[in-house]
Structure formats: structure tokens, C-alpha cells
Amino acid sequence: MGCIIEIVDSVNIDANPSGISMQIMDSSHVSLVELQLNWVEFQKYRCDRPVTFGIYLESLSKILKFASNDDIITISAEEDDESLLFQFENPGIEFSPFFSNFPP
């Protein structure tokens, strides 16, 4: 991600039933980066129709820094929504709710 941020500020990510892809070229047309992740490379993948998301790479990089190596990241979007939801899960960590001794 770090080397791509050096080339461009934002990218269009294309998602379709066969996978996710992006192609980036710098403003001087010297560098070209292409990334393609086929659906078989995911534990679970579902995309009902082709969609393109415009993403600021610095923001995406900050979001992905929250993930650890064992995390499962779920990325989802609603039908007519212009935002993405990132969910992080770690199967090795058991969550227990925090209870306060303070009065309400």
C-alpha cells in the first residue's frame, strides 16, 4: 500500500462476481500498478453486481493498520450506499463486555 500512495492519492476499485481489481497509473504515465484478487483467493466472497468504489489510499491505509495478521476483514456495502463498512474479527480473541461499577 505504501508504494501505491507514493504514485497516486486515490484509486477506483472494481468489484464484480469474479473478484476485485484495480489499475493505477501515475500522472506522468511512467508507473503502472495492477492488482487483481480473484474470488477463489478469499475465504468468503460475494458480489451480486459489478460496482466501482473510489477510495482515498491514505484513508484505506489507516483503516488497514487496525488489522493484525490473524484478523478476518469483512468489507461490505449496501445497495445504494456510497460508503464501505470494514469489520475486523479475530477468532483467537474472546470478547467480554466491560461492566462498570459506576452508578448510571
C-alpha atoms as a PDB file:
ATOM      1  CA  MET A   1       0.000   0.000   0.000  1.00  0.00           C
ATOM      2  CA  GLY A   2       2.842   2.373   0.847  1.00  0.00           C
ATOM      3  CA  CYS A   3       4.348   2.324  -2.641  1.00  0.00           C
ATOM      4  CA  ILE A   4       0.972   2.933  -4.285  1.00  0.00           C
ATOM      5  CA  ILE A   5       0.350   6.003  -2.083  1.00  0.00           C
ATOM      6  CA  GLU A   6       3.587   7.431  -3.485  1.00  0.00           C
ATOM      7  CA  ILE A   7       2.113   7.219  -7.012  1.00  0.00           C
ATOM      8  CA  VAL A   8      -1.499   8.403  -6.580  1.00  0.00           C
ATOM      9  CA  ASP A   9      -3.819   9.772  -3.881  1.00  0.00           C
ATOM     10  CA  SER A  10      -6.929   7.806  -4.784  1.00  0.00           C
ATOM     11  CA  VAL A  11      -7.934   4.740  -6.747  1.00  0.00           C
ATOM     12  CA  ASN A  12     -11.030   3.150  -8.217  1.00  0.00           C
ATOM     13  CA  ILE A  13     -11.536  -0.404  -7.015  1.00  0.00           C
ATOM     14  CA  ASP A  14     -13.719  -2.548  -9.236  1.00  0.00           C
ATOM     15  CA  ALA A  15     -15.646  -5.407  -7.658  1.00  0.00           C
ATOM     16  CA  ASN A  16     -17.652  -7.964  -9.623  1.00  0.00           C
ATOM     17  CA  PRO A  17     -18.728 -11.580  -9.152  1.00  0.00           C
ATOM     18  CA  SER A  18     -15.296 -12.851 -10.270  1.00  0.00           C
ATOM     19  CA  GLY A  19     -13.223 -10.725  -7.851  1.00  0.00           C
ATOM     20  CA  ILE A  20     -11.690  -7.345  -7.048  1.00  0.00           C
ATOM     21  CA  SER A  21      -9.277  -5.388  -9.220  1.00  0.00           C
ATOM     22  CA  MET A  22      -7.635  -2.013  -9.584  1.00  0.00           C
ATOM     23  CA  GLN A  23      -5.278  -0.426 -12.055  1.00  0.00           C
ATOM     24  CA  ILE A  24      -3.277   2.691 -11.210  1.00  0.00           C
ATOM     25  CA  MET A  25      -1.091   4.901 -13.363  1.00  0.00           C
ATOM     26  CA  ASP A  26       0.842   7.895 -12.109  1.00  0.00           C
ATOM     27  CA  SER A  27       0.257  11.356 -13.590  1.00  0.00           C
ATOM     28  CA  SER A  28       3.422  11.216 -15.726  1.00  0.00           C
ATOM     29  CA  HIS A  29       2.387   7.808 -17.173  1.00  0.00           C
ATOM     30  CA  VAL A  30       5.641   6.163 -16.091  1.00  0.00           C
ATOM     31  CA  SER A  31       4.422   3.752 -13.409  1.00  0.00           C
ATOM     32  CA  LEU A  32       1.563   1.282 -13.733  1.00  0.00           C
ATOM     33  CA  VAL A  33       0.299  -0.875 -10.874  1.00  0.00           C
ATOM     34  CA  GLU A  34      -2.320  -3.564 -11.345  1.00  0.00           C
ATOM     35  CA  LEU A  35      -3.884  -5.662  -8.605  1.00  0.00           C
ATOM     36  CA  GLN A  36      -6.332  -8.470  -9.193  1.00  0.00           C
ATOM     37  CA  LEU A  37      -7.782 -10.678  -6.467  1.00  0.00           C
ATOM     38  CA  ASN A  38      -9.942 -13.494  -7.824  1.00  0.00           C
ATOM     39  CA  TRP A  39     -12.903 -14.683  -5.754  1.00  0.00           C
ATOM     40  CA  VAL A  40     -11.173 -18.022  -5.014  1.00  0.00           C
ATOM     41  CA  GLU A  41      -8.467 -16.178  -3.036  1.00  0.00           C
ATOM     42  CA  PHE A  42     -10.994 -15.176  -0.350  1.00  0.00           C
ATOM     43  CA  GLN A  43     -12.425 -17.334   2.448  1.00  0.00           C
ATOM     44  CA  LYS A  44     -15.845 -15.960   1.514  1.00  0.00           C
ATOM     45  CA  TYR A  45     -16.645 -13.669  -1.385  1.00  0.00           C
ATOM     46  CA  ARG A  46     -19.925 -12.332  -2.678  1.00  0.00           C
ATOM     47  CA  CYS A  47     -20.593  -9.536  -5.130  1.00  0.00           C
ATOM     48  CA  ASP A  48     -24.031  -9.593  -6.724  1.00  0.00           C
ATOM     49  CA  ARG A  49     -23.357  -6.988  -9.396  1.00  0.00           C
ATOM     50  CA  PRO A  50     -20.357  -5.033 -10.726  1.00  0.00           C
ATOM     51  CA  VAL A  51     -19.589  -1.915  -8.688  1.00  0.00           C
ATOM     52  CA  THR A  52     -16.757   0.621  -8.563  1.00  0.00           C
ATOM     53  CA  PHE A  53     -15.587   2.306  -5.372  1.00  0.00           C
ATOM     54  CA  GLY A  54     -13.422   5.412  -5.306  1.00  0.00           C
ATOM     55  CA  ILE A  55     -11.105   5.263  -2.306  1.00  0.00           C
ATOM     56  CA  TYR A  56      -8.502   7.630  -0.888  1.00  0.00           C
ATOM     57  CA  LEU A  57      -5.470   5.432  -0.349  1.00  0.00           C
ATOM     58  CA  GLU A  58      -4.244   7.245   2.749  1.00  0.00           C
ATOM     59  CA  SER A  59      -7.602   6.602   4.435  1.00  0.00           C
ATOM     60  CA  LEU A  60      -7.601   2.947   3.348  1.00  0.00           C
ATOM     61  CA  SER A  61      -4.052   2.533   4.645  1.00  0.00           C
ATOM     62  CA  LYS A  62      -5.061   3.952   8.044  1.00  0.00           C
ATOM     63  CA  ILE A  63      -8.039   1.594   8.225  1.00  0.00           C
ATOM     64  CA  LEU A  64      -5.972  -1.484   7.343  1.00  0.00           C
ATOM     65  CA  LYS A  65      -3.371  -0.647  10.019  1.00  0.00           C
ATOM     66  CA  PHE A  66      -6.003  -1.609  12.604  1.00  0.00           C
ATOM     67  CA  ALA A  67      -5.817  -5.224  11.418  1.00  0.00           C
ATOM     68  CA  SER A  68      -3.469  -7.807  12.873  1.00  0.00           C
ATOM     69  CA  ASN A  69      -2.172 -10.821  10.950  1.00  0.00           C
ATOM     70  CA  ASP A  70      -4.868 -13.121  12.347  1.00  0.00           C
ATOM     71  CA  ASP A  71      -7.796 -10.792  11.729  1.00  0.00           C
ATOM     72  CA  ILE A  72     -10.605 -11.520   9.332  1.00  0.00           C
ATOM     73  CA  ILE A  73     -11.612  -8.358   7.478  1.00  0.00           C
ATOM     74  CA  THR A  74     -15.132  -8.112   6.104  1.00  0.00           C
ATOM     75  CA  ILE A  75     -15.803  -5.312   3.628  1.00  0.00           C
ATOM     76  CA  SER A  76     -19.418  -4.629   2.758  1.00  0.00           C
ATOM     77  CA  ALA A  77     -21.618  -2.017   1.128  1.00  0.00           C
ATOM     78  CA  GLU A  78     -25.343  -1.544   0.950  1.00  0.00           C
ATOM     79  CA  GLU A  79     -27.143  -1.498  -2.405  1.00  0.00           C
ATOM     80  CA  ASP A  80     -27.389   2.268  -2.935  1.00  0.00           C
ATOM     81  CA  ASP A  81     -24.916   3.452  -0.305  1.00  0.00           C
ATOM     82  CA  GLU A  82     -21.798   5.436  -1.127  1.00  0.00           C
ATOM     83  CA  SER A  83     -19.788   4.086   1.794  1.00  0.00           C
ATOM     84  CA  LEU A  84     -17.920   0.912   2.690  1.00  0.00           C
ATOM     85  CA  LEU A  85     -18.088  -0.848   6.033  1.00  0.00           C
ATOM     86  CA  PHE A  86     -14.903  -2.515   7.328  1.00  0.00           C
ATOM     87  CA  GLN A  87     -15.368  -5.124  10.062  1.00  0.00           C
ATOM     88  CA  PHE A  88     -12.396  -6.658  11.876  1.00  0.00           C
ATOM     89  CA  GLU A  89     -12.690 -10.001  13.660  1.00  0.00           C
ATOM     90  CA  ASN A  90     -10.049 -12.052  15.421  1.00  0.00           C
ATOM     91  CA  PRO A  91     -11.169 -15.630  16.119  1.00  0.00           C
ATOM     92  CA  GLY A  92      -8.419 -16.084  18.743  1.00  0.00           C
ATOM     93  CA  ILE A  93      -9.638 -13.256  20.975  1.00  0.00           C
ATOM     94  CA  GLU A  94     -12.715 -13.732  23.105  1.00  0.00           C
ATOM     95  CA  PHE A  95     -14.648 -10.548  23.725  1.00  0.00           C
ATOM     96  CA  SER A  96     -16.165  -9.957  27.110  1.00  0.00           C
ATOM     97  CA  PRO A  97     -18.285  -6.874  27.712  1.00  0.00           C
ATOM     98  CA  PHE A  98     -16.990  -4.252  30.096  1.00  0.00           C
ATOM     99  CA  PHE A  99     -19.137  -3.702  33.162  1.00  0.00           C
ATOM    100  CA  SER A 100     -18.701  -0.565  35.175  1.00  0.00           C
ATOM    101  CA  ASN A 101     -19.132  -0.252  38.910  1.00  0.00           C
ATOM    102  CA  PHE A 102     -20.153   3.367  38.450  1.00  0.00           C
ATOM    103  CA  PRO A 103     -23.796   4.286  39.019  1.00  0.00           C
ATOM    104  CA  PRO A 104     -25.758   5.278  35.910  1.00  0.00           C
END
